[in-house]
Amino acid sequence: MKRNLLGIMLLASIFILPEAKAQTTYEEMERLTVNEEVTTVITASEPVRFVDISTDKVIGDQPIDNIVRLKPKEGGHEDGEVLAIVTIVTERYRTQYALLYTTRVREAVTDKEIQLQERNAYHNPAVSMSTVEMTRFARRIWNSPAKIRNVATKAHRMTMRLNNIYAVGEYFFIDFSIENRTNIRFDIDEIRVKLADKTLTKATNAQVIELTPELVLETGKTFRHGYRNVVVVRKMTFPNDKVLTIEMTEKQISGRAISLNIDYEDVLSTDSFSASLLEEE
């Protein structure tokens, strides 16, 4: 009986102790000293999906995808006072910092990069593919030869051409290029992805659905003769009377525009509609 009891106690300690170690108090967290006269900038290695500041003593914002800015609302706190706990959740990890007030401005943290040892692995159910993975796949597609030859549009002495389409997980990777046969540089205003009616008439109202790309690989804003990019959108199906359109517009005053229409049949019939490229070494 005593042996059985001892065995149960040992098993319990095996399963209970790791759970206890997993708990963290603010005293065990990385601490950042803050002051109302200093903006503390936290940089993550990937896009931040969620930020929580536990009290209203600290204000913050997210100016770009992987940057969080924090600052105490006001002074008058004691040295070492914990103003808030900030929780930062990215696509693949989360981290927490205890924000401690300091009256000495020179001691306040101005720039903080989230270190590897401060990251707790996290499976974000809203993210099926991280931006890092998506960029890696898109770059391999960008470097691959064009397999589609019969989908193109001409306008303003330019040709916009579909090179490849790949389906990876829940996403379409659309590889396209533009040849500019003029000597006038094209200054990109925006790239838009839309689902639109094939035929437009005055008697009907055209239905255009704007699609927000999950990723636009190349962020360059100008080109002179040649341009290539990969746009990633969520996988979808659409009827034959609709087309998937990629439109590129130029900044004013010239304001040139060119668009590429992709039929669903083109998507289904192309040999490049597969993930085989991603399996190549």
C-alpha atoms as a PDB file:
ATOM      1  CA  MET A   1       0.000   0.000   0.000  1.00  0.00           C
ATOM      2  CA  LYS A   2       2.830   2.369   0.917  1.00  0.00           C
ATOM      3  CA  ARG A   3       4.604   1.548  -2.353  1.00  0.00           C
ATOM      4  CA  ASN A   4       1.458   2.311  -4.354  1.00  0.00           C
ATOM      5  CA  LEU A   5       1.002   5.603  -2.496  1.00  0.00           C
ATOM      6  CA  LEU A   6       4.626   6.546  -3.121  1.00  0.00           C
ATOM      7  CA  GLY A   7       4.246   5.756  -6.837  1.00  0.00           C
ATOM      8  CA  ILE A   8       1.126   7.929  -7.083  1.00  0.00           C
ATOM      9  CA  MET A   9       2.920  10.805  -5.342  1.00  0.00           C
ATOM     10  CA  LEU A  10       5.879  10.537  -7.767  1.00  0.00           C
ATOM     11  CA  LEU A  11       3.583  10.508 -10.782  1.00  0.00           C
ATOM     12  CA  ALA A  12       1.690  13.498  -9.440  1.00  0.00           C
ATOM     13  CA  SER A  13       4.916  15.426  -8.976  1.00  0.00           C
ATOM     14  CA  ILE A  14       5.920  14.704 -12.589  1.00  0.00           C
ATOM     15  CA  PHE A  15       2.699  16.154 -13.973  1.00  0.00           C
ATOM     16  CA  ILE A  16       2.131  18.964 -11.478  1.00  0.00           C
ATOM     17  CA  LEU A  17       5.602  20.525 -11.220  1.00  0.00           C
ATOM     18  CA  PRO A  18       5.948  21.557 -14.897  1.00  0.00           C
ATOM     19  CA  GLU A  19       2.551  23.239 -14.668  1.00  0.00           C
ATOM     20  CA  ALA A  20       3.687  25.211 -11.633  1.00  0.00           C
ATOM     21  CA  LYS A  21       6.867  26.294 -13.417  1.00  0.00           C
ATOM     22  CA  ALA A  22       4.843  27.496 -16.371  1.00  0.00           C
ATOM     23  CA  GLN A  23       3.251  30.202 -14.254  1.00  0.00           C
ATOM     24  CA  THR A  24       4.961  33.600 -14.286  1.00  0.00           C
ATOM     25  CA  THR A  25       4.638  36.627 -12.018  1.00  0.00           C
ATOM     26  CA  TYR A  26       5.628  40.174 -12.955  1.00  0.00           C
ATOM     27  CA  GLU A  27       8.708  39.823 -10.753  1.00  0.00           C
ATOM     28  CA  GLU A  28       9.968  37.073 -13.101  1.00  0.00           C
ATOM     29  CA  MET A  29       9.269  39.039 -16.286  1.00  0.00           C
ATOM     30  CA  GLU A  30      11.718  41.129 -18.244  1.00  0.00           C
ATOM     31  CA  ARG A  31      11.401  44.677 -16.870  1.00  0.00           C
ATOM     32  CA  LEU A  32      11.440  47.864 -18.890  1.00  0.00           C
ATOM     33  CA  THR A  33      11.905  51.217 -17.173  1.00  0.00           C
ATOM     34  CA  VAL A  34       9.679  53.949 -18.596  1.00  0.00           C
ATOM     35  CA  ASN A  35       9.206  57.702 -18.173  1.00  0.00           C
ATOM     36  CA  GLU A  36       6.544  60.098 -19.455  1.00  0.00           C
ATOM     37  CA  GLU A  37       9.160  62.101 -21.353  1.00  0.00           C
ATOM     38  CA  VAL A  38      10.469  59.093 -23.292  1.00  0.00           C
ATOM     39  CA  THR A  39       8.795  56.910 -25.924  1.00  0.00           C
ATOM     40  CA  THR A  40       9.723  53.249 -25.520  1.00  0.00           C
ATOM     41  CA  VAL A  41       9.852  51.473 -28.885  1.00  0.00           C
ATOM     42  CA  ILE A  42       9.546  47.659 -28.898  1.00  0.00           C
ATOM     43  CA  THR A  43      10.502  45.844 -32.113  1.00  0.00           C
ATOM     44  CA  ALA A  44       9.335  42.298 -32.900  1.00  0.00           C
ATOM     45  CA  SER A  45      10.918  39.990 -35.469  1.00  0.00           C
ATOM     46  CA  GLU A  46       7.552  39.447 -37.201  1.00  0.00           C
ATOM     47  CA  PRO A  47       4.183  41.220 -37.479  1.00  0.00           C
ATOM     48  CA  VAL A  48       2.411  41.895 -34.178  1.00  0.00           C
ATOM     49  CA  ARG A  49      -1.168  40.642 -34.173  1.00  0.00           C
ATOM     50  CA  PHE A  50      -2.281  41.700 -30.684  1.00  0.00           C
ATOM     51  CA  VAL A  51      -1.151  44.044 -27.900  1.00  0.00           C
ATOM     52  CA  ASP A  52      -2.607  44.320 -24.396  1.00  0.00           C
ATOM     53  CA  ILE A  53      -1.668  46.990 -21.836  1.00  0.00           C
ATOM     54  CA  SER A  54      -3.050  45.954 -18.462  1.00  0.00           C
ATOM     55  CA  THR A  55      -3.781  49.468 -17.088  1.00  0.00           C
ATOM     56  CA  ASP A  56      -4.629  52.914 -18.444  1.00  0.00           C
ATOM     57  CA  LYS A  57      -1.511  54.409 -16.837  1.00  0.00           C
ATOM     58  CA  VAL A  58       0.384  53.641 -20.040  1.00  0.00           C
ATOM     59  CA  ILE A  59      -0.662  54.536 -23.578  1.00  0.00           C
ATOM     60  CA  GLY A  60       0.578  52.907 -26.752  1.00  0.00           C
ATOM     61  CA  ASP A  61       0.122  52.439 -30.467  1.00  0.00           C
ATOM     62  CA  GLN A  62       1.368  50.302 -33.349  1.00  0.00           C
ATOM     63  CA  PRO A  63       2.675  52.566 -36.141  1.00  0.00           C
ATOM     64  CA  ILE A  64       3.802  49.658 -38.361  1.00  0.00           C
ATOM     65  CA  ASP A  65       3.353  45.885 -38.336  1.00  0.00           C
ATOM     66  CA  ASN A  66       6.236  44.912 -36.067  1.00  0.00           C
ATOM     67  CA  ILE A  67       6.621  48.053 -33.907  1.00  0.00           C
ATOM     68  CA  VAL A  68       4.871  48.925 -30.628  1.00  0.00           C
ATOM     69  CA  ARG A  69       5.313  52.345 -28.961  1.00  0.00           C
ATOM     70  CA  LEU A  70       4.635  52.918 -25.238  1.00  0.00           C
ATOM     71  CA  LYS A  71       4.713  55.879 -22.864  1.00  0.00           C
ATOM     72  CA  PRO A  72       3.299  56.622 -19.376  1.00  0.00           C
ATOM     73  CA  LYS A  73       0.305  58.977 -19.489  1.00  0.00           C
ATOM     74  CA  GLU A  74       1.699  61.179 -16.721  1.00  0.00           C
ATOM     75  CA  GLY A  75       4.415  61.475 -14.110  1.00  0.00           C
ATOM     76  CA  GLY A  76       4.187  61.625 -10.352  1.00  0.00           C
ATOM     77  CA  HIS A  77       4.821  57.928  -9.752  1.00  0.00           C
ATOM     78  CA  GLU A  78       7.353  56.438  -7.387  1.00  0.00           C
ATOM     79  CA  ASP A  79      10.601  54.932  -8.604  1.00  0.00           C
ATOM     80  CA  GLY A  80      10.145  51.220  -9.289  1.00  0.00           C
ATOM     81  CA  GLU A  81       6.336  51.390  -9.341  1.00  0.00           C
ATOM     82  CA  VAL A  82       4.827  48.836 -11.739  1.00  0.00           C
ATOM     83  CA  LEU A  83       2.622  50.867 -14.086  1.00  0.00           C
ATOM     84  CA  ALA A  84       1.418  48.016 -16.332  1.00  0.00           C
ATOM     85  CA  ILE A  85       2.111  44.649 -17.876  1.00  0.00           C
ATOM     86  CA  VAL A  86       2.297  44.728 -21.674  1.00  0.00           C
ATOM     87  CA  THR A  87       1.544  41.548 -23.612  1.00  0.00           C
ATOM     88  CA  ILE A  88       2.650  41.300 -27.244  1.00  0.00           C
ATOM     89  CA  VAL A  89       1.387  38.460 -29.449  1.00  0.00           C
ATOM     90  CA  THR A  90       2.879  37.908 -32.901  1.00  0.00           C
ATOM     91  CA  GLU A  91       2.156  35.215 -35.473  1.00  0.00           C
ATOM     92  CA  ARG A  92       4.251  32.571 -33.752  1.00  0.00           C
ATOM     93  CA  TYR A  93       5.153  33.736 -30.238  1.00  0.00           C
ATOM     94  CA  ARG A  94       4.094  35.940 -27.344  1.00  0.00           C
ATOM     95  CA  THR A  95       6.055  37.907 -24.761  1.00  0.00           C
ATOM     96  CA  GLN A  96       5.342  40.047 -21.697  1.00  0.00           C
ATOM     97  CA  TYR A  97       7.141  42.950 -20.063  1.00  0.00           C
ATOM     98  CA  ALA A  98       6.632  44.640 -16.699  1.00  0.00           C
ATOM     99  CA  LEU A  99       6.796  48.419 -17.144  1.00  0.00           C
ATOM    100  CA  LEU A 100       8.501  50.061 -14.159  1.00  0.00           C
ATOM    101  CA  TYR A 101       8.456  53.809 -13.642  1.00  0.00           C
ATOM    102  CA  THR A 102      11.693  55.757 -13.238  1.00  0.00           C
ATOM    103  CA  THR A 103      12.037  59.424 -12.325  1.00  0.00           C
ATOM    104  CA  ARG A 104      15.408  59.530 -14.050  1.00  0.00           C
ATOM    105  CA  VAL A 105      14.864  60.130 -17.747  1.00  0.00           C
ATOM    106  CA  ARG A 106      18.292  58.778 -18.696  1.00  0.00           C
ATOM    107  CA  GLU A 107      17.322  55.345 -17.294  1.00  0.00           C
ATOM    108  CA  ALA A 108      14.156  54.987 -19.398  1.00  0.00           C
ATOM    109  CA  VAL A 109      14.353  52.395 -22.189  1.00  0.00           C
ATOM    110  CA  THR A 110      14.060  54.014 -25.607  1.00  0.00           C
ATOM    111  CA  ASP A 111      14.641  51.015 -27.891  1.00  0.00           C
ATOM    112  CA  LYS A 112      13.890  47.374 -27.099  1.00  0.00           C
ATOM    113  CA  GLU A 113      14.171  44.417 -29.476  1.00  0.00           C
ATOM    114  CA  ILE A 114      12.377  41.240 -28.404  1.00  0.00           C
ATOM    115  CA  GLN A 115      15.125  38.692 -27.777  1.00  0.00           C
ATOM    116  CA  LEU A 116      14.905  35.006 -28.651  1.00  0.00           C
ATOM    117  CA  GLN A 117      14.923  33.913 -25.016  1.00  0.00           C
ATOM    118  CA  GLU A 118      11.988  36.239 -24.252  1.00  0.00           C
ATOM    119  CA  ARG A 119       9.681  34.593 -26.785  1.00  0.00           C
ATOM    120  CA  ASN A 120       7.180  31.987 -25.684  1.00  0.00           C
ATOM    121  CA  ALA A 121       6.080  29.763 -28.573  1.00  0.00           C
ATOM    122  CA  TYR A 122       2.432  30.307 -29.416  1.00  0.00           C
ATOM    123  CA  HIS A 123       0.146  28.737 -32.008  1.00  0.00           C
ATOM    124  CA  ASN A 124      -2.045  31.564 -33.250  1.00  0.00           C
ATOM    125  CA  PRO A 125      -5.237  29.947 -34.656  1.00  0.00           C
ATOM    126  CA  ALA A 126      -5.835  32.993 -36.857  1.00  0.00           C
ATOM    127  CA  VAL A 127      -2.521  32.469 -38.677  1.00  0.00           C
ATOM    128  CA  SER A 128      -2.209  29.396 -40.900  1.00  0.00           C
ATOM    129  CA  MET A 129       1.016  30.638 -42.506  1.00  0.00           C
ATOM    130  CA  SER A 130       3.406  33.118 -40.963  1.00  0.00           C
ATOM    131  CA  THR A 131       4.656  36.139 -42.895  1.00  0.00           C
ATOM    132  CA  VAL A 132       8.181  34.694 -42.796  1.00  0.00           C
ATOM    133  CA  GLU A 133       7.001  31.446 -44.441  1.00  0.00           C
ATOM    134  CA  MET A 134       4.829  33.332 -46.925  1.00  0.00           C
ATOM    135  CA  THR A 135       7.744  35.566 -47.941  1.00  0.00           C
ATOM    136  CA  ARG A 136      10.030  32.561 -48.379  1.00  0.00           C
ATOM    137  CA  PHE A 137       7.521  30.836 -50.668  1.00  0.00           C
ATOM    138  CA  ALA A 138       6.867  34.038 -52.635  1.00  0.00           C
ATOM    139  CA  ARG A 139      10.591  34.627 -53.150  1.00  0.00           C
ATOM    140  CA  ARG A 140      11.069  31.124 -54.564  1.00  0.00           C
ATOM    141  CA  ILE A 141       8.160  31.693 -56.948  1.00  0.00           C
ATOM    142  CA  TRP A 142       9.579  35.109 -57.949  1.00  0.00           C
ATOM    143  CA  ASN A 143      12.849  33.390 -58.865  1.00  0.00           C
ATOM    144  CA  SER A 144      11.168  30.586 -60.851  1.00  0.00           C
ATOM    145  CA  PRO A 145      10.682  30.579 -64.640  1.00  0.00           C
ATOM    146  CA  ALA A 146       7.332  31.682 -66.067  1.00  0.00           C
ATOM    147  CA  LYS A 147       5.042  28.790 -66.995  1.00  0.00           C
ATOM    148  CA  ILE A 148       1.982  30.710 -68.189  1.00  0.00           C
ATOM    149  CA  ARG A 149       2.280  32.404 -71.585  1.00  0.00           C
ATOM    150  CA  ASN A 150      -1.253  33.199 -72.730  1.00  0.00           C
ATOM    151  CA  VAL A 151      -2.619  35.632 -70.091  1.00  0.00           C
ATOM    152  CA  ALA A 152      -1.571  39.227 -70.725  1.00  0.00           C
ATOM    153  CA  THR A 153      -2.860  42.780 -71.166  1.00  0.00           C
ATOM    154  CA  LYS A 154      -1.460  45.680 -73.210  1.00  0.00           C
ATOM    155  CA  ALA A 155      -1.952  49.400 -72.466  1.00  0.00           C
ATOM    156  CA  HIS A 156       0.126  52.596 -72.793  1.00  0.00           C
ATOM    157  CA  ARG A 157       2.894  50.660 -74.590  1.00  0.00           C
ATOM    158  CA  MET A 158       3.172  48.347 -71.597  1.00  0.00           C
ATOM    159  CA  THR A 159       2.442  44.642 -71.263  1.00  0.00           C
ATOM    160  CA  MET A 160       1.264  43.104 -68.007  1.00  0.00           C
ATOM    161  CA  ARG A 161       1.659  39.336 -67.938  1.00  0.00           C
ATOM    162  CA  LEU A 162       0.700  36.459 -65.633  1.00  0.00           C
ATOM    163  CA  ASN A 163       3.740  34.230 -65.018  1.00  0.00           C
ATOM    164  CA  ASN A 164       2.620  31.660 -62.448  1.00  0.00           C
ATOM    165  CA  ILE A 165      -0.106  30.779 -60.004  1.00  0.00           C
ATOM    166  CA  TYR A 166       0.535  28.514 -57.046  1.00  0.00           C
ATOM    167  CA  ALA A 167      -1.849  27.293 -54.373  1.00  0.00           C
ATOM    168  CA  VAL A 168      -0.152  26.824 -51.023  1.00  0.00           C
ATOM    169  CA  GLY A 169      -2.308  26.007 -48.031  1.00  0.00           C
ATOM    170  CA  GLU A 170      -5.098  28.577 -47.839  1.00  0.00           C
ATOM    171  CA  TYR A 171      -3.480  31.035 -50.260  1.00  0.00           C
ATOM    172  CA  PHE A 172      -3.026  31.842 -53.945  1.00  0.00           C
ATOM    173  CA  PHE A 173       0.438  33.104 -54.912  1.00  0.00           C
ATOM    174  CA  ILE A 174       0.029  35.179 -58.087  1.00  0.00           C
ATOM    175  CA  ASP A 175       3.256  35.963 -59.951  1.00  0.00           C
ATOM    176  CA  PHE A 176       3.011  38.752 -62.561  1.00  0.00           C
ATOM    177  CA  SER A 177       5.325  41.070 -64.465  1.00  0.00           C
ATOM    178  CA  ILE A 178       5.159  44.293 -66.481  1.00  0.00           C
ATOM    179  CA  GLU A 179       7.242  45.285 -69.484  1.00  0.00           C
ATOM    180  CA  ASN A 180       7.459  49.029 -70.061  1.00  0.00           C
ATOM    181  CA  ARG A 181       8.423  49.807 -73.661  1.00  0.00           C
ATOM    182  CA  THR A 182       8.542  53.553 -73.101  1.00  0.00           C
ATOM    183  CA  ASN A 183      11.366  55.646 -71.679  1.00  0.00           C
ATOM    184  CA  ILE A 184       9.058  57.121 -69.050  1.00  0.00           C
ATOM    185  CA  ARG A 185       9.558  55.794 -65.535  1.00  0.00           C
ATOM    186  CA  PHE A 186       6.451  54.317 -63.876  1.00  0.00           C
ATOM    187  CA  ASP A 187       5.935  55.591 -60.314  1.00  0.00           C
ATOM    188  CA  ILE A 188       3.599  53.158 -58.542  1.00  0.00           C
ATOM    189  CA  ASP A 189       0.709  54.639 -56.609  1.00  0.00           C
ATOM    190  CA  GLU A 190      -0.986  51.409 -55.529  1.00  0.00           C
ATOM    191  CA  ILE A 191      -1.577  47.767 -56.414  1.00  0.00           C
ATOM    192  CA  ARG A 192      -5.175  46.626 -56.046  1.00  0.00           C
ATOM    193  CA  VAL A 193      -6.704  43.157 -56.248  1.00  0.00           C
ATOM    194  CA  LYS A 194     -10.384  42.947 -57.141  1.00  0.00           C
ATOM    195  CA  LEU A 195     -13.085  40.472 -58.048  1.00  0.00           C
ATOM    196  CA  ALA A 196     -15.212  42.058 -60.785  1.00  0.00           C
ATOM    197  CA  ASP A 197     -17.833  41.258 -63.428  1.00  0.00           C
ATOM    198  CA  LYS A 198     -16.492  40.158 -66.806  1.00  0.00           C
ATOM    199  CA  THR A 199     -18.903  42.309 -68.808  1.00  0.00           C
ATOM    200  CA  LEU A 200     -20.088  45.748 -67.766  1.00  0.00           C
ATOM    201  CA  THR A 201     -23.148  47.405 -69.282  1.00  0.00           C
ATOM    202  CA  LYS A 202     -24.960  50.645 -68.542  1.00  0.00           C
ATOM    203  CA  ALA A 203     -28.093  48.712 -67.689  1.00  0.00           C
ATOM    204  CA  THR A 204     -26.492  46.766 -64.855  1.00  0.00           C
ATOM    205  CA  ASN A 205     -24.672  47.768 -61.735  1.00  0.00           C
ATOM    206  CA  ALA A 206     -21.158  46.354 -61.708  1.00  0.00           C
ATOM    207  CA  GLN A 207     -20.246  44.558 -58.520  1.00  0.00           C
ATOM    208  CA  VAL A 208     -16.594  44.990 -57.592  1.00  0.00           C
ATOM    209  CA  ILE A 209     -15.210  43.329 -54.479  1.00  0.00           C
ATOM    210  CA  GLU A 210     -11.893  44.688 -53.167  1.00  0.00           C
ATOM    211  CA  LEU A 211      -9.549  41.992 -51.870  1.00  0.00           C
ATOM    212  CA  THR A 212      -6.845  42.858 -49.375  1.00  0.00           C
ATOM    213  CA  PRO A 213      -3.586  41.044 -50.241  1.00  0.00           C
ATOM    214  CA  GLU A 214      -2.027  39.067 -47.429  1.00  0.00           C
ATOM    215  CA  LEU A 215       1.396  39.923 -48.860  1.00  0.00           C
ATOM    216  CA  VAL A 216       2.910  42.003 -51.660  1.00  0.00           C
ATOM    217  CA  LEU A 217       6.454  40.689 -52.018  1.00  0.00           C
ATOM    218  CA  GLU A 218       8.211  43.636 -53.656  1.00  0.00           C
ATOM    219  CA  THR A 219       7.660  47.014 -52.000  1.00  0.00           C
ATOM    220  CA  GLY A 220       9.585  49.109 -54.538  1.00  0.00           C
ATOM    221  CA  LYS A 221       7.618  52.109 -55.788  1.00  0.00           C
ATOM    222  CA  THR A 222       9.182  52.785 -59.174  1.00  0.00           C
ATOM    223  CA  PHE A 223      10.490  50.982 -62.279  1.00  0.00           C
ATOM    224  CA  ARG A 224      11.631  52.006 -65.732  1.00  0.00           C
ATOM    225  CA  HIS A 225      11.543  49.000 -68.083  1.00  0.00           C
ATOM    226  CA  GLY A 226      10.869  45.779 -66.185  1.00  0.00           C
ATOM    227  CA  TYR A 227       8.889  44.891 -63.069  1.00  0.00           C
ATOM    228  CA  ARG A 228       7.949  41.613 -61.364  1.00  0.00           C
ATOM    229  CA  ASN A 229       6.038  40.911 -58.185  1.00  0.00           C
ATOM    230  CA  VAL A 230       4.157  38.205 -56.276  1.00  0.00           C
ATOM    231  CA  VAL A 231       0.817  38.999 -54.632  1.00  0.00           C
ATOM    232  CA  VAL A 232      -0.682  36.617 -52.072  1.00  0.00           C
ATOM    233  CA  VAL A 233      -4.455  36.433 -51.525  1.00  0.00           C
ATOM    234  CA  ARG A 234      -6.646  34.006 -49.648  1.00  0.00           C
ATOM    235  CA  LYS A 235      -7.787  31.053 -51.712  1.00  0.00           C
ATOM    236  CA  MET A 236     -11.264  31.446 -53.182  1.00  0.00           C
ATOM    237  CA  THR A 237     -13.640  30.203 -55.840  1.00  0.00           C
ATOM    238  CA  PHE A 238     -15.605  32.511 -58.115  1.00  0.00           C
ATOM    239  CA  PRO A 239     -18.148  32.018 -60.937  1.00  0.00           C
ATOM    240  CA  ASN A 240     -17.335  32.189 -64.643  1.00  0.00           C
ATOM    241  CA  ASP A 241     -18.938  35.616 -65.012  1.00  0.00           C
ATOM    242  CA  LYS A 242     -16.302  37.082 -62.654  1.00  0.00           C
ATOM    243  CA  VAL A 243     -12.598  37.750 -63.099  1.00  0.00           C
ATOM    244  CA  LEU A 244      -9.803  38.195 -60.605  1.00  0.00           C
ATOM    245  CA  THR A 245      -8.145  41.509 -61.466  1.00  0.00           C
ATOM    246  CA  ILE A 246      -4.742  42.861 -60.471  1.00  0.00           C
ATOM    247  CA  GLU A 247      -4.550  46.581 -61.150  1.00  0.00           C
ATOM    248  CA  MET A 248      -1.518  48.851 -60.914  1.00  0.00           C
ATOM    249  CA  THR A 249      -1.964  52.611 -61.018  1.00  0.00           C
ATOM    250  CA  GLU A 250       0.607  55.369 -61.364  1.00  0.00           C
ATOM    251  CA  LYS A 251       0.921  58.492 -59.288  1.00  0.00           C
ATOM    252  CA  GLN A 252      -0.505  61.667 -60.763  1.00  0.00           C
ATOM    253  CA  ILE A 253      -0.034  63.724 -62.932  1.00  0.00           C
ATOM    254  CA  SER A 254       0.414  61.053 -65.604  1.00  0.00           C
ATOM    255  CA  GLY A 255      -1.843  58.581 -63.844  1.00  0.00           C
ATOM    256  CA  ARG A 256      -1.310  55.611 -66.167  1.00  0.00           C
ATOM    257  CA  ALA A 257      -3.042  52.377 -65.175  1.00  0.00           C
ATOM    258  CA  ILE A 258      -2.801  48.793 -66.329  1.00  0.00           C
ATOM    259  CA  SER A 259      -4.696  45.727 -65.135  1.00  0.00           C
ATOM    260  CA  LEU A 260      -4.566  41.970 -65.624  1.00  0.00           C
ATOM    261  CA  ASN A 261      -7.739  39.850 -65.687  1.00  0.00           C
ATOM    262  CA  ILE A 262      -7.477  36.224 -64.587  1.00  0.00           C
ATOM    263  CA  ASP A 263     -10.348  33.859 -65.425  1.00  0.00           C
ATOM    264  CA  TYR A 264     -11.091  31.043 -63.026  1.00  0.00           C
ATOM    265  CA  GLU A 265     -10.564  28.638 -65.937  1.00  0.00           C
ATOM    266  CA  ASP A 266      -7.000  29.944 -66.222  1.00  0.00           C
ATOM    267  CA  VAL A 267      -6.483  29.125 -62.569  1.00  0.00           C
ATOM    268  CA  LEU A 268      -7.890  25.607 -62.914  1.00  0.00           C
ATOM    269  CA  SER A 269      -6.211  24.662 -66.197  1.00  0.00           C
ATOM    270  CA  THR A 270      -2.675  25.871 -65.618  1.00  0.00           C
ATOM    271  CA  ASP A 271      -0.004  23.293 -64.807  1.00  0.00           C
ATOM    272  CA  SER A 272       1.606  25.703 -62.361  1.00  0.00           C
ATOM    273  CA  PHE A 273      -1.392  25.517 -60.051  1.00  0.00           C
ATOM    274  CA  SER A 274       0.332  23.289 -57.491  1.00  0.00           C
ATOM    275  CA  ALA A 275       2.737  23.359 -54.573  1.00  0.00           C
ATOM    276  CA  SER A 276       5.352  21.244 -56.357  1.00  0.00           C
ATOM    277  CA  LEU A 277       7.780  24.132 -56.703  1.00  0.00           C
ATOM    278  CA  LEU A 278       7.893  24.525 -52.942  1.00  0.00           C
ATOM    279  CA  GLU A 279       9.045  20.926 -52.545  1.00  0.00           C
ATOM    280  CA  GLU A 280      12.084  21.460 -54.769  1.00  0.00           C
ATOM    281  CA  GLU A 281      15.439  21.870 -53.082  1.00  0.00           C
END
